[in-house]
Amino acid sequence: QHNDPRCSCGKRQKAKIVSSRIINGTEAPPEHWPWVVGIYDSTDTLVCGGSLINEEYVVTAEHCF
């Protein structure tokens, strides 16, 4: 369970900044997109993404598994 007061499921904490291109991007802090989840395999390779739907469950695409 995530108890960080900076993060709330489905609620962004900072102003929305969206661009159609990412150039020299940087890692987003957890409070920017707190519902976005990365799913990694046993070799720490990112295999899929998902979205938190509550504090316990993640929704992702069928092809991820």
Protein backbone atom coordinates (compact mmCIF):
# COMPACT_ATOMS: atom_id res chain seq x y z
CA GLN A 1 0.00 0.00 0.00
CA HIS A 2 1.30 3.42 -0.96
CA ASN A 3 0.95 5.98 1.82
CA ASP A 4 2.88 8.87 0.30
CA PRO A 5 0.75 12.03 0.78
CA ARG A 6 2.10 13.44 -2.50
CA CYS A 7 0.36 10.69 -4.50
CA SER A 8 -3.33 9.90 -4.82
CA CYS A 9 -4.78 7.27 -7.13
CA GLY A 10 -6.08 8.93 -10.31
CA LYS A 11 -5.22 12.48 -9.28
CA ARG A 12 -2.29 14.40 -10.72
CA GLN A 13 -0.55 16.73 -8.28
CA LYS A 14 1.18 19.06 -10.73
CA ALA A 15 0.14 21.10 -13.77
CA LYS A 16 -0.46 19.01 -16.89
CA ILE A 17 2.34 19.33 -19.47
CA VAL A 18 1.81 17.31 -22.64
CA SER A 19 3.95 17.34 -25.77
CA SER A 20 3.61 15.35 -28.97
CA ARG A 21 7.38 14.72 -28.98
CA ILE A 22 9.84 13.85 -26.26
CA ILE A 23 13.33 15.26 -26.79
CA ASN A 24 16.04 14.76 -24.17
CA GLY A 25 13.34 13.61 -21.76
CA THR A 26 13.82 13.04 -18.07
CA GLU A 27 12.25 10.54 -15.69
CA ALA A 28 8.94 11.80 -14.32
CA PRO A 29 8.67 12.08 -10.54
CA PRO A 30 6.09 9.69 -8.98
CA GLU A 31 3.65 12.52 -8.24
CA HIS A 32 3.36 13.49 -11.93
CA TRP A 33 1.60 10.29 -13.09
CA PRO A 34 0.82 8.32 -9.89
CA TRP A 35 -1.55 5.84 -11.58
CA VAL A 36 0.88 4.71 -14.31
CA VAL A 37 2.51 1.31 -13.71
CA GLY A 38 5.48 -0.38 -15.40
CA ILE A 39 5.48 -4.18 -15.56
CA TYR A 40 8.94 -5.75 -15.64
CA ASP A 41 10.12 -9.30 -16.26
CA SER A 42 12.67 -11.21 -14.17
CA THR A 43 15.55 -9.50 -16.02
CA ASP A 44 14.21 -6.01 -15.18
CA THR A 45 13.12 -5.40 -18.80
CA LEU A 46 9.98 -3.28 -19.19
CA VAL A 47 7.41 -5.53 -20.88
CA CYS A 48 4.18 -3.61 -20.51
CA GLY A 49 2.38 -0.74 -18.84
CA GLY A 50 -0.79 -0.48 -16.86
CA SER A 51 -3.03 1.82 -14.85
CA LEU A 52 -3.91 1.62 -11.17
CA ILE A 53 -7.67 1.34 -10.67
CA ASN A 54 -7.41 1.30 -6.88
CA GLU A 55 -4.70 0.73 -4.26
CA GLU A 56 -4.49 -3.00 -5.03
CA TYR A 57 -5.33 -3.64 -8.72
CA VAL A 58 -3.74 -2.74 -12.07
CA VAL A 59 -5.50 -2.84 -15.47
CA THR A 60 -3.32 -3.78 -18.43
CA ALA A 61 -3.72 -5.26 -21.92
CA GLU A 62 -4.17 -8.99 -22.49
CA HIS A 63 -1.08 -9.16 -24.71
CA CYS A 64 1.09 -8.22 -21.71
CA PHE A 65 0.78 -11.77 -20.41
